[in-house]
C-alpha cells in the first residue's frame, strides 16, 4: 500500500518542487527571462566549492548552478542552489542570485526546518 501511495504522489511532488525552484530563481533574478545550464557547469561548481572551503564554509555545498539569461540571450549572472547543514533543525536549502560583477542579487529560502 505504501509503495502505491509513493508511485501516485512521486510525480506531483517532483513537479511542485520544480515549480518552487523556478519561482525562487525568478525571485532572486527578476530581470532574467530564463535559467539555463552553463557550459562550464562542472568547473563552476568546483570553483565555488574551493571558495567555500577557503573561507571556512565546509558545511555548505552548492547543489546546482544555472545561468540567468535575459530576453536577448545575454548572461546576467548565475543562480545557485545551496544547502547548509548548520541549521538547528536540519538542512537549510536556498537559492541565491549573483550578478556578473559578483554582487548578491537576492536570496530565497527553499526549505528550512528551524
PDB file of N, CA and C in Angstrom:
ATOM      1  N   UNK A   1       0.828  -1.192   0.000  1.00  0.00           N
ATOM      2  CA  UNK A   1       0.000   0.000   0.000  1.00  0.00           C
ATOM      3  C   UNK A   1       0.873   1.257   0.000  1.00  0.00           C
ATOM      4  N   UNK A   2       1.926   1.232   0.830  1.00  0.00           N
ATOM      5  CA  UNK A   2       2.821   2.380   0.896  1.00  0.00           C
ATOM      6  C   UNK A   2       3.510   2.627  -0.438  1.00  0.00           C
ATOM      7  N   UNK A   3       3.900   1.552  -1.121  1.00  0.00           N
ATOM      8  CA  UNK A   3       4.518   1.656  -2.438  1.00  0.00           C
ATOM      9  C   UNK A   3       3.586   2.283  -3.456  1.00  0.00           C
ATOM     10  N   UNK A   4       2.323   1.956  -3.379  1.00  0.00           N
ATOM     11  CA  UNK A   4       1.333   2.525  -4.291  1.00  0.00           C
ATOM     12  C   UNK A   4       1.178   4.027  -4.058  1.00  0.00           C
ATOM     13  N   UNK A   5       1.096   4.422  -2.807  1.00  0.00           N
ATOM     14  CA  UNK A   5       0.980   5.841  -2.464  1.00  0.00           C
ATOM     15  C   UNK A   5       2.202   6.599  -2.977  1.00  0.00           C
ATOM     16  N   UNK A   6       3.384   5.998  -2.812  1.00  0.00           N
ATOM     17  CA  UNK A   6       4.618   6.626  -3.295  1.00  0.00           C
ATOM     18  C   UNK A   6       4.565   6.831  -4.804  1.00  0.00           C
ATOM     19  N   UNK A   7       4.167   5.806  -5.541  1.00  0.00           N
ATOM     20  CA  UNK A   7       4.106   5.890  -7.000  1.00  0.00           C
ATOM     21  C   UNK A   7       3.105   6.950  -7.462  1.00  0.00           C
ATOM     22  N   UNK A   8       1.998   7.076  -6.760  1.00  0.00           N
ATOM     23  CA  UNK A   8       0.963   8.037  -7.136  1.00  0.00           C
ATOM     24  C   UNK A   8       1.411   9.473  -6.844  1.00  0.00           C
ATOM     25  N   UNK A   9       2.133   9.678  -5.762  1.00  0.00           N
ATOM     26  CA  UNK A   9       2.499  11.038  -5.349  1.00  0.00           C
ATOM     27  C   UNK A   9       3.868  11.492  -5.837  1.00  0.00           C
ATOM     28  N   UNK A  10       4.694  10.576  -6.340  1.00  0.00           N
ATOM     29  CA  UNK A  10       6.071  10.904  -6.728  1.00  0.00           C
ATOM     30  C   UNK A  10       6.128  12.015  -7.777  1.00  0.00           C
ATOM     31  N   UNK A  11       5.407  11.873  -8.875  1.00  0.00           N
ATOM     32  CA  UNK A  11       5.451  12.854  -9.961  1.00  0.00           C
ATOM     33  C   UNK A  11       4.867  14.214  -9.563  1.00  0.00           C
ATOM     34  N   UNK A  12       3.709  14.268  -8.894  1.00  0.00           N
ATOM     35  CA  UNK A  12       3.198  15.575  -8.470  1.00  0.00           C
ATOM     36  C   UNK A  12       4.136  16.293  -7.490  1.00  0.00           C
ATOM     37  N   UNK A  13       4.787  15.559  -6.610  1.00  0.00           N
ATOM     38  CA  UNK A  13       5.731  16.174  -5.668  1.00  0.00           C
ATOM     39  C   UNK A  13       6.925  16.733  -6.424  1.00  0.00           C
ATOM     40  N   UNK A  14       7.469  15.986  -7.377  1.00  0.00           N
ATOM     41  CA  UNK A  14       8.604  16.456  -8.181  1.00  0.00           C
ATOM     42  C   UNK A  14       8.225  17.700  -8.990  1.00  0.00           C
ATOM     43  N   UNK A  15       7.017  17.719  -9.534  1.00  0.00           N
ATOM     44  CA  UNK A  15       6.556  18.875 -10.309  1.00  0.00           C
ATOM     45  C   UNK A  15       6.428  20.109  -9.414  1.00  0.00           C
ATOM     46  N   UNK A  16       5.922  19.918  -8.212  1.00  0.00           N
ATOM     47  CA  UNK A  16       5.779  21.046  -7.274  1.00  0.00           C
ATOM     48  C   UNK A  16       7.144  21.584  -6.848  1.00  0.00           C
ATOM     49  N   UNK A  17       8.095  20.689  -6.603  1.00  0.00           N
ATOM     50  CA  UNK A  17       9.448  21.121  -6.240  1.00  0.00           C
ATOM     51  C   UNK A  17      10.096  21.901  -7.374  1.00  0.00           C
ATOM     52  N   UNK A  18       9.917  21.462  -8.616  1.00  0.00           N
ATOM     53  CA  UNK A  18      10.468  22.174  -9.773  1.00  0.00           C
ATOM     54  C   UNK A  18       9.828  23.559  -9.904  1.00  0.00           C
ATOM     55  N   UNK A  19       8.518  23.637  -9.660  1.00  0.00           N
ATOM     56  CA  UNK A  19       7.812  24.927  -9.722  1.00  0.00           C
ATOM     57  C   UNK A  19       8.331  25.876  -8.647  1.00  0.00           C
ATOM     58  N   UNK A  20       8.557  25.363  -7.439  1.00  0.00           N
ATOM     59  CA  UNK A  20       9.079  26.188  -6.353  1.00  0.00           C
ATOM     60  C   UNK A  20      10.484  26.694  -6.674  1.00  0.00           C
ATOM     61  N   UNK A  21      11.305  25.855  -7.296  1.00  0.00           N
ATOM     62  CA  UNK A  21      12.650  26.285  -7.695  1.00  0.00           C
ATOM     63  C   UNK A  21      12.564  27.413  -8.721  1.00  0.00           C
ATOM     64  N   UNK A  22      11.709  27.263  -9.730  1.00  0.00           N
ATOM     65  CA  UNK A  22      11.573  28.300 -10.749  1.00  0.00           C
ATOM     66  C   UNK A  22      11.113  29.624 -10.140  1.00  0.00           C
ATOM     67  N   UNK A  23      10.190  29.551  -9.199  1.00  0.00           N
ATOM     68  CA  UNK A  23       9.725  30.762  -8.512  1.00  0.00           C
ATOM     69  C   UNK A  23      10.852  31.397  -7.708  1.00  0.00           C
ATOM     70  N   UNK A  24      11.675  30.580  -7.065  1.00  0.00           N
ATOM     71  CA  UNK A  24      12.824  31.091  -6.305  1.00  0.00           C
ATOM     72  C   UNK A  24      13.836  31.731  -7.238  1.00  0.00           C
ATOM     73  N   UNK A  25      14.103  31.091  -8.387  1.00  0.00           N
ATOM     74  CA  UNK A  25      15.042  31.666  -9.359  1.00  0.00           C
ATOM     75  C   UNK A  25      14.555  33.037  -9.808  1.00  0.00           C
ATOM     76  N   UNK A  26      13.264  33.142 -10.103  1.00  0.00           N
ATOM     77  CA  UNK A  26      12.707  34.414 -10.564  1.00  0.00           C
ATOM     78  C   UNK A  26      12.757  35.459  -9.451  1.00  0.00           C
ATOM     79  N   UNK A  27      12.608  35.038  -8.199  1.00  0.00           N
ATOM     80  CA  UNK A  27      12.666  35.977  -7.076  1.00  0.00           C
ATOM     81  C   UNK A  27      14.077  36.530  -6.890  1.00  0.00           C
ATOM     82  N   UNK A  28      15.100  35.711  -7.093  1.00  0.00           N
ATOM     83  CA  UNK A  28      16.474  36.175  -6.881  1.00  0.00           C
ATOM     84  C   UNK A  28      17.060  36.835  -8.124  1.00  0.00           C
ATOM     85  N   UNK A  29      16.424  36.661  -9.264  1.00  0.00           N
ATOM     86  CA  UNK A  29      16.872  37.298 -10.505  1.00  0.00           C
ATOM     87  C   UNK A  29      15.656  37.694 -11.338  1.00  0.00           C
ATOM     88  N   UNK A  30      14.908  38.737 -10.903  1.00  0.00           N
ATOM     89  CA  UNK A  30      13.674  39.107 -11.596  1.00  0.00           C
ATOM     90  C   UNK A  30      13.880  39.595 -13.032  1.00  0.00           C
ATOM     91  N   UNK A  31      15.081  40.080 -13.379  1.00  0.00           N
ATOM     92  CA  UNK A  31      15.339  40.573 -14.736  1.00  0.00           C
ATOM     93  C   UNK A  31      15.581  39.451 -15.736  1.00  0.00           C
ATOM     94  N   UNK A  32      15.770  38.233 -15.270  1.00  0.00           N
ATOM     95  CA  UNK A  32      16.071  37.110 -16.161  1.00  0.00           C
ATOM     96  C   UNK A  32      14.802  36.611 -16.846  1.00  0.00           C
ATOM     97  N   UNK A  33      14.962  36.256 -18.117  1.00  0.00           N
ATOM     98  CA  UNK A  33      13.857  35.677 -18.876  1.00  0.00           C
ATOM     99  C   UNK A  33      13.845  34.160 -18.743  1.00  0.00           C
ATOM    100  N   UNK A  34      15.032  33.585 -18.548  1.00  0.00           N
ATOM    101  CA  UNK A  34      15.133  32.133 -18.394  1.00  0.00           C
ATOM    102  C   UNK A  34      16.388  31.772 -17.611  1.00  0.00           C
ATOM    103  N   UNK A  35      16.453  30.515 -17.215  1.00  0.00           N
ATOM    104  CA  UNK A  35      17.585  29.992 -16.440  1.00  0.00           C
ATOM    105  C   UNK A  35      18.073  28.738 -17.139  1.00  0.00           C
ATOM    106  N   UNK A  36      19.356  28.751 -17.523  1.00  0.00           N
ATOM    107  CA  UNK A  36      19.881  27.695 -18.371  1.00  0.00           C
ATOM    108  C   UNK A  36      21.120  27.057 -17.771  1.00  0.00           C
ATOM    109  N   UNK A  37      21.344  25.791 -18.147  1.00  0.00           N
ATOM    110  CA  UNK A  37      22.566  25.096 -17.758  1.00  0.00           C
ATOM    111  C   UNK A  37      23.763  25.849 -18.337  1.00  0.00           C
ATOM    112  N   UNK A  38      24.833  25.943 -17.581  1.00  0.00           N
ATOM    113  CA  UNK A  38      26.051  26.580 -18.053  1.00  0.00           C
ATOM    114  C   UNK A  38      26.942  25.558 -18.738  1.00  0.00           C
ATOM    115  N   UNK A  39      27.661  25.999 -19.762  1.00  0.00           N
ATOM    116  CA  UNK A  39      28.577  25.103 -20.463  1.00  0.00           C
ATOM    117  C   UNK A  39      29.660  24.579 -19.538  1.00  0.00           C
ATOM    118  N   UNK A  40      30.149  25.460 -18.674  1.00  0.00           N
ATOM    119  CA  UNK A  40      31.236  25.097 -17.758  1.00  0.00           C
ATOM    120  C   UNK A  40      30.708  24.790 -16.362  1.00  0.00           C
ATOM    121  N   UNK A  41      29.540  24.151 -16.291  1.00  0.00           N
ATOM    122  CA  UNK A  41      28.868  23.891 -15.013  1.00  0.00           C
ATOM    123  C   UNK A  41      29.766  23.163 -14.016  1.00  0.00           C
ATOM    124  N   UNK A  42      30.431  22.102 -14.438  1.00  0.00           N
ATOM    125  CA  UNK A  42      31.281  21.341 -13.518  1.00  0.00           C
ATOM    126  C   UNK A  42      32.420  22.189 -12.989  1.00  0.00           C
ATOM    127  N   UNK A  43      33.028  23.009 -13.857  1.00  0.00           N
ATOM    128  CA  UNK A  43      34.110  23.895 -13.438  1.00  0.00           C
ATOM    129  C   UNK A  43      33.583  24.948 -12.472  1.00  0.00           C
ATOM    130  N   UNK A  44      32.366  25.450 -12.712  1.00  0.00           N
ATOM    131  CA  UNK A  44      31.765  26.447 -11.826  1.00  0.00           C
ATOM    132  C   UNK A  44      31.520  25.869 -10.438  1.00  0.00           C
ATOM    133  N   UNK A  45      30.996  24.651 -10.384  1.00  0.00           N
ATOM    134  CA  UNK A  45      30.740  24.005  -9.095  1.00  0.00           C
ATOM    135  C   UNK A  45      32.048  23.759  -8.342  1.00  0.00           C
ATOM    136  N   UNK A  46      33.063  23.322  -9.063  1.00  0.00           N
ATOM    137  CA  UNK A  46      34.359  23.045  -8.443  1.00  0.00           C
ATOM    138  C   UNK A  46      34.984  24.336  -7.905  1.00  0.00           C
ATOM    139  N   UNK A  47      34.936  25.400  -8.698  1.00  0.00           N
ATOM    140  CA  UNK A  47      35.489  26.683  -8.285  1.00  0.00           C
ATOM    141  C   UNK A  47      34.743  27.236  -7.061  1.00  0.00           C
ATOM    142  N   UNK A  48      33.427  27.134  -7.081  1.00  0.00           N
ATOM    143  CA  UNK A  48      32.622  27.613  -5.960  1.00  0.00           C
ATOM    144  C   UNK A  48      32.911  26.808  -4.700  1.00  0.00           C
ATOM    145  N   UNK A  49      33.079  25.497  -4.835  1.00  0.00           N
ATOM    146  CA  UNK A  49      33.411  24.653  -3.682  1.00  0.00           C
ATOM    147  C   UNK A  49      34.754  25.047  -3.094  1.00  0.00           C
ATOM    148  N   UNK A  50      35.707  25.395  -3.950  1.00  0.00           N
ATOM    149  CA  UNK A  50      37.025  25.845  -3.476  1.00  0.00           C
ATOM    150  C   UNK A  50      36.907  27.134  -2.676  1.00  0.00           C
ATOM    151  N   UNK A  51      36.086  28.072  -3.171  1.00  0.00           N
ATOM    152  CA  UNK A  51      35.885  29.348  -2.471  1.00  0.00           C
ATOM    153  C   UNK A  51      35.251  29.106  -1.103  1.00  0.00           C
ATOM    154  N   UNK A  52      34.257  28.236  -1.034  1.00  0.00           N
ATOM    155  CA  UNK A  52      33.617  27.925   0.244  1.00  0.00           C
ATOM    156  C   UNK A  52      34.634  27.340   1.221  1.00  0.00           C
ATOM    157  N   UNK A  53      35.431  26.392   0.759  1.00  0.00           N
ATOM    158  CA  UNK A  53      36.428  25.738   1.608  1.00  0.00           C
ATOM    159  C   UNK A  53      37.471  26.735   2.109  1.00  0.00           C
ATOM    160  N   UNK A  54      37.938  27.615   1.223  1.00  0.00           N
ATOM    161  CA  UNK A  54      38.949  28.614   1.595  1.00  0.00           C
ATOM    162  C   UNK A  54      38.439  29.557   2.680  1.00  0.00           C
ATOM    163  N   UNK A  55      37.137  29.759   2.720  1.00  0.00           N
ATOM    164  CA  UNK A  55      36.548  30.694   3.677  1.00  0.00           C
ATOM    165  C   UNK A  55      35.934  30.007   4.884  1.00  0.00           C
ATOM    166  N   UNK A  56      36.265  28.743   5.086  1.00  0.00           N
ATOM    167  CA  UNK A  56      35.802  28.029   6.268  1.00  0.00           C
ATOM    168  C   UNK A  56      34.338  27.641   6.249  1.00  0.00           C
ATOM    169  N   UNK A  57      33.767  27.525   5.089  1.00  0.00           N
ATOM    170  CA  UNK A  57      32.354  27.193   4.962  1.00  0.00           C
ATOM    171  C   UNK A  57      32.193  25.753   4.480  1.00  0.00           C
ATOM    172  N   UNK A  58      32.745  24.836   5.238  1.00  0.00           N
ATOM    173  CA  UNK A  58      32.735  23.431   4.825  1.00  0.00           C
ATOM    174  C   UNK A  58      31.375  22.759   5.021  1.00  0.00           C
ATOM    175  N   UNK A  59      30.471  23.369   5.779  1.00  0.00           N
ATOM    176  CA  UNK A  59      29.138  22.787   5.993  1.00  0.00           C
ATOM    177  C   UNK A  59      28.178  23.148   4.865  1.00  0.00           C
ATOM    178  N   UNK A  60      28.602  24.024   3.951  1.00  0.00           N
ATOM    179  CA  UNK A  60      27.763  24.445   2.844  1.00  0.00           C
ATOM    180  C   UNK A  60      28.230  23.762   1.562  1.00  0.00           C
ATOM    181  N   UNK A  61      27.288  23.391   0.731  1.00  0.00           N
ATOM    182  CA  UNK A  61      27.660  22.874  -0.578  1.00  0.00           C
ATOM    183  C   UNK A  61      26.664  23.360  -1.628  1.00  0.00           C
ATOM    184  N   UNK A  62      27.164  23.549  -2.827  1.00  0.00           N
ATOM    185  CA  UNK A  62      26.360  24.066  -3.923  1.00  0.00           C
ATOM    186  C   UNK A  62      25.811  22.889  -4.712  1.00  0.00           C
ATOM    187  N   UNK A  63      24.495  22.831  -4.791  1.00  0.00           N
ATOM    188  CA  UNK A  63      23.812  21.719  -5.439  1.00  0.00           C
ATOM    189  C   UNK A  63      23.636  21.927  -6.940  1.00  0.00           C
ATOM    190  N   UNK A  64      23.486  23.182  -7.340  1.00  0.00           N
ATOM    191  CA  UNK A  64      23.149  23.469  -8.733  1.00  0.00           C
ATOM    192  C   UNK A  64      23.574  24.892  -9.072  1.00  0.00           C
ATOM    193  N   UNK A  65      24.042  25.094 -10.301  1.00  0.00           N
ATOM    194  CA  UNK A  65      24.378  26.427 -10.808  1.00  0.00           C
ATOM    195  C   UNK A  65      23.731  26.572 -12.177  1.00  0.00           C
ATOM    196  N   UNK A  66      22.956  27.646 -12.339  1.00  0.00           N
ATOM    197  CA  UNK A  66      22.298  27.936 -13.617  1.00  0.00           C
ATOM    198  C   UNK A  66      22.619  29.361 -14.033  1.00  0.00           C
ATOM    199  N   UNK A  67      22.675  29.596 -15.325  1.00  0.00           N
ATOM    200  CA  UNK A  67      22.865  30.942 -15.825  1.00  0.00           C
ATOM    201  C   UNK A  67      21.540  31.677 -15.904  1.00  0.00           C
ATOM    202  N   UNK A  68      21.528  32.927 -15.445  1.00  0.00           N
ATOM    203  CA  UNK A  68      20.350  33.788 -15.566  1.00  0.00           C
ATOM    204  C   UNK A  68      20.521  34.586 -16.857  1.00  0.00           C
ATOM    205  N   UNK A  69      19.584  34.396 -17.808  1.00  0.00           N
ATOM    206  CA  UNK A  69      19.714  34.952 -19.150  1.00  0.00           C
ATOM    207  C   UNK A  69      18.547  35.890 -19.431  1.00  0.00           C
ATOM    208  N   UNK A  70      18.854  37.029 -20.093  1.00  0.00           N
ATOM    209  CA  UNK A  70      17.772  37.959 -20.446  1.00  0.00           C
ATOM    210  C   UNK A  70      17.129  37.552 -21.777  1.00  0.00           C
ATOM    211  N   UNK A  71      16.177  38.371 -22.257  1.00  0.00           N
ATOM    212  CA  UNK A  71      15.442  38.054 -23.487  1.00  0.00           C
ATOM    213  C   UNK A  71      16.341  37.920 -24.716  1.00  0.00           C
ATOM    214  N   UNK A  72      17.454  38.666 -24.733  1.00  0.00           N
ATOM    215  CA  UNK A  72      18.346  38.626 -25.888  1.00  0.00           C
ATOM    216  C   UNK A  72      19.369  37.497 -25.810  1.00  0.00           C
ATOM    217  N   UNK A  73      19.338  36.728 -24.719  1.00  0.00           N
ATOM    218  CA  UNK A  73      20.288  35.629 -24.552  1.00  0.00           C
ATOM    219  C   UNK A  73      21.558  36.016 -23.828  1.00  0.00           C
ATOM    220  N   UNK A  74      21.622  37.233 -23.334  1.00  0.00           N
ATOM    221  CA  UNK A  74      22.803  37.728 -22.618  1.00  0.00           C
ATOM    222  C   UNK A  74      22.802  37.189 -21.187  1.00  0.00           C
ATOM    223  N   UNK A  75      23.953  36.687 -20.763  1.00  0.00           N
ATOM    224  CA  UNK A  75      24.101  36.174 -19.402  1.00  0.00           C
ATOM    225  C   UNK A  75      24.151  37.336 -18.414  1.00  0.00           C
ATOM    226  N   UNK A  76      23.217  37.357 -17.462  1.00  0.00           N
ATOM    227  CA  UNK A  76      23.158  38.411 -16.452  1.00  0.00           C
ATOM    228  C   UNK A  76      23.937  38.042 -15.192  1.00  0.00           C
ATOM    229  N   UNK A  77      24.040  36.755 -14.930  1.00  0.00           N
ATOM    230  CA  UNK A  77      24.702  36.254 -13.728  1.00  0.00           C
ATOM    231  C   UNK A  77      24.348  34.796 -13.541  1.00  0.00           C
ATOM    232  N   UNK A  78      24.455  34.339 -12.317  1.00  0.00           N
ATOM    233  CA  UNK A  78      24.149  32.932 -12.035  1.00  0.00           C
ATOM    234  C   UNK A  78      23.184  32.822 -10.863  1.00  0.00           C
ATOM    235  N   UNK A  79      22.472  31.705 -10.859  1.00  0.00           N
ATOM    236  CA  UNK A  79      21.622  31.334  -9.731  1.00  0.00           C
ATOM    237  C   UNK A  79      22.188  30.039  -9.181  1.00  0.00           C
ATOM    238  N   UNK A  80      22.396  29.991  -7.873  1.00  0.00           N
ATOM    239  CA  UNK A  80      22.922  28.799  -7.224  1.00  0.00           C
ATOM    240  C   UNK A  80      21.930  28.283  -6.204  1.00  0.00           C
ATOM    241  N   UNK A  81      21.792  26.969  -6.149  1.00  0.00           N
ATOM    242  CA  UNK A  81      21.058  26.327  -5.069  1.00  0.00           C
ATOM    243  C   UNK A  81      22.099  25.821  -4.086  1.00  0.00           C
ATOM    244  N   UNK A  82      21.954  26.225  -2.840  1.00  0.00           N
ATOM    245  CA  UNK A  82      22.941  25.933  -1.804  1.00  0.00           C
ATOM    246  C   UNK A  82      22.256  25.204  -0.651  1.00  0.00           C
ATOM    247  N   UNK A  83      22.963  24.263  -0.056  1.00  0.00           N
ATOM    248  CA  UNK A  83      22.495  23.577   1.148  1.00  0.00           C
ATOM    249  C   UNK A  83      23.528  23.784   2.241  1.00  0.00           C
ATOM    250  N   UNK A  84      23.058  24.153   3.415  1.00  0.00           N
ATOM    251  CA  UNK A  84      23.927  24.208   4.586  1.00  0.00           C
ATOM    252  C   UNK A  84      23.411  23.200   5.603  1.00  0.00           C
ATOM    253  N   UNK A  85      24.333  22.517   6.238  1.00  0.00           N
ATOM    254  CA  UNK A  85      23.970  21.511   7.241  1.00  0.00           C
ATOM    255  C   UNK A  85      24.023  22.087   8.653  1.00  0.00           C
ATOM    256  N   UNK A  86      24.190  23.389   8.767  1.00  0.00           N
ATOM    257  CA  UNK A  86      24.324  24.014  10.074  1.00  0.00           C
ATOM    258  C   UNK A  86      23.017  24.514  10.668  1.00  0.00           C
ATOM    259  N   UNK A  87      21.891  24.131  10.086  1.00  0.00           N
ATOM    260  CA  UNK A  87      20.614  24.525  10.670  1.00  0.00           C
ATOM    261  C   UNK A  87      20.355  23.773  11.961  1.00  0.00           C
ATOM    262  N   UNK A  88      19.736  24.420  12.908  1.00  0.00           N
ATOM    263  CA  UNK A  88      19.445  23.785  14.202  1.00  0.00           C
ATOM    264  C   UNK A  88      18.499  22.605  14.029  1.00  0.00           C
ATOM    265  N   UNK A  89      17.503  22.761  13.162  1.00  0.00           N
ATOM    266  CA  UNK A  89      16.506  21.705  12.980  1.00  0.00           C
ATOM    267  C   UNK A  89      16.740  20.843  11.752  1.00  0.00           C
ATOM    268  N   UNK A  90      17.860  21.020  11.085  1.00  0.00           N
ATOM    269  CA  UNK A  90      18.155  20.237   9.881  1.00  0.00           C
ATOM    270  C   UNK A  90      18.754  21.111   8.804  1.00  0.00           C
ATOM    271  N   UNK A  91      18.834  20.571   7.613  1.00  0.00           N
ATOM    272  CA  UNK A  91      19.426  21.303   6.494  1.00  0.00           C
ATOM    273  C   UNK A  91      18.580  22.516   6.114  1.00  0.00           C
ATOM    274  N   UNK A  92      19.262  23.535   5.601  1.00  0.00           N
ATOM    275  CA  UNK A  92      18.610  24.719   5.058  1.00  0.00           C
ATOM    276  C   UNK A  92      19.002  24.781   3.581  1.00  0.00           C
ATOM    277  N   UNK A  93      18.009  24.836   2.715  1.00  0.00           N
ATOM    278  CA  UNK A  93      18.245  24.929   1.272  1.00  0.00           C
ATOM    279  C   UNK A  93      17.770  26.293   0.797  1.00  0.00           C
ATOM    280  N   UNK A  94      18.594  26.955   0.004  1.00  0.00           N
ATOM    281  CA  UNK A  94      18.201  28.256  -0.517  1.00  0.00           C
ATOM    282  C   UNK A  94      18.802  28.494  -1.894  1.00  0.00           C
ATOM    283  N   UNK A  95      18.194  29.421  -2.608  1.00  0.00           N
ATOM    284  CA  UNK A  95      18.702  29.876  -3.900  1.00  0.00           C
ATOM    285  C   UNK A  95      19.247  31.268  -3.721  1.00  0.00           C
ATOM    286  N   UNK A  96      20.332  31.548  -4.430  1.00  0.00           N
ATOM    287  CA  UNK A  96      20.878  32.896  -4.413  1.00  0.00           C
ATOM    288  C   UNK A  96      21.277  33.299  -5.819  1.00  0.00           C
ATOM    289  N   UNK A  97      21.024  34.558  -6.139  1.00  0.00           N
ATOM    290  CA  UNK A  97      21.397  35.105  -7.437  1.00  0.00           C
ATOM    291  C   UNK A  97      22.630  35.958  -7.279  1.00  0.00           C
ATOM    292  N   UNK A  98      23.587  35.781  -8.175  1.00  0.00           N
ATOM    293  CA  UNK A  98      24.827  36.549  -8.142  1.00  0.00           C
ATOM    294  C   UNK A  98      25.028  37.171  -9.517  1.00  0.00           C
ATOM    295  N   UNK A  99      25.159  38.503  -9.540  1.00  0.00           N
ATOM    296  CA  UNK A  99      25.368  39.208 -10.794  1.00  0.00           C
ATOM    297  C   UNK A  99      26.780  38.948 -11.311  1.00  0.00           C
ATOM    298  N   UNK A 100      27.019  39.291 -12.570  1.00  0.00           N
ATOM    299  CA  UNK A 100      28.319  39.039 -13.190  1.00  0.00           C
ATOM    300  C   UNK A 100      29.458  39.760 -12.476  1.00  0.00           C
ATOM    301  N   UNK A 101      29.160  40.886 -11.828  1.00  0.00           N
ATOM    302  CA  UNK A 101      30.222  41.612 -11.120  1.00  0.00           C
ATOM    303  C   UNK A 101      30.475  41.066  -9.719  1.00  0.00           C
ATOM    304  N   UNK A 102      29.762  39.993  -9.360  1.00  0.00           N
ATOM    305  CA  UNK A 102      29.985  39.344  -8.072  1.00  0.00           C
ATOM    306  C   UNK A 102      29.082  39.815  -6.952  1.00  0.00           C
ATOM    307  N   UNK A 103      28.202  40.772  -7.212  1.00  0.00           N
ATOM    308  CA  UNK A 103      27.305  41.255  -6.163  1.00  0.00           C
ATOM    309  C   UNK A 103      26.099  40.326  -6.018  1.00  0.00           C
ATOM    310  N   UNK A 104      25.639  40.219  -4.799  1.00  0.00           N
ATOM    311  CA  UNK A 104      24.481  39.386  -4.498  1.00  0.00           C
ATOM    312  C   UNK A 104      23.224  40.068  -5.004  1.00  0.00           C
ATOM    313  N   UNK A 105      22.425  39.350  -5.751  1.00  0.00           N
ATOM    314  CA  UNK A 105      21.216  39.899  -6.339  1.00  0.00           C
ATOM    315  C   UNK A 105      19.972  39.559  -5.518  1.00  0.00           C
ATOM    316  N   UNK A 106      20.028  38.465  -4.742  1.00  0.00           N
ATOM    317  CA  UNK A 106      18.891  38.080  -3.918  1.00  0.00           C
ATOM    318  C   UNK A 106      19.053  36.685  -3.357  1.00  0.00           C
ATOM    319  N   UNK A 107      18.301  36.413  -2.292  1.00  0.00           N
ATOM    320  CA  UNK A 107      18.294  35.094  -1.649  1.00  0.00           C
ATOM    321  C   UNK A 107      16.847  34.693  -1.422  1.00  0.00           C
ATOM    322  N   UNK A 108      16.544  33.430  -1.671  1.00  0.00           N
ATOM    323  CA  UNK A 108      15.206  32.885  -1.450  1.00  0.00           C
ATOM    324  C   UNK A 108      15.341  31.522  -0.773  1.00  0.00           C
ATOM    325  N   UNK A 109      14.694  31.337   0.376  1.00  0.00           N
ATOM    326  CA  UNK A 109      14.732  30.068   1.091  1.00  0.00           C
ATOM    327  C   UNK A 109      13.850  29.057   0.360  1.00  0.00           C
ATOM    328  N   UNK A 110      14.400  27.863   0.102  1.00  0.00           N
ATOM    329  CA  UNK A 110      13.627  26.773  -0.490  1.00  0.00           C
ATOM    330  C   UNK A 110      13.037  25.870   0.577  1.00  0.00           C
ATOM    331  N   UNK A 111      13.853  25.505   1.585  1.00  0.00           N
ATOM    332  CA  UNK A 111      13.337  24.687   2.698  1.00  0.00           C
ATOM    333  C   UNK A 111      14.147  24.973   3.943  1.00  0.00           C
ATOM    334  N   UNK A 112      13.438  24.962   5.074  1.00  0.00           N
ATOM    335  CA  UNK A 112      14.062  25.246   6.360  1.00  0.00           C
ATOM    336  C   UNK A 112      13.229  24.538   7.439  1.00  0.00           C
ATOM    337  N   UNK A 113      13.898  23.987   8.425  1.00  0.00           N
ATOM    338  CA  UNK A 113      13.198  23.267   9.493  1.00  0.00           C
ATOM    339  C   UNK A 113      13.468  23.871  10.863  1.00  0.00           C
ATOM    340  N   UNK A 114      13.745  25.144  10.900  1.00  0.00           N
ATOM    341  CA  UNK A 114      14.074  25.804  12.170  1.00  0.00           C
ATOM    342  C   UNK A 114      12.829  25.990  13.014  1.00  0.00           C
TER     343      UNK A 114
END
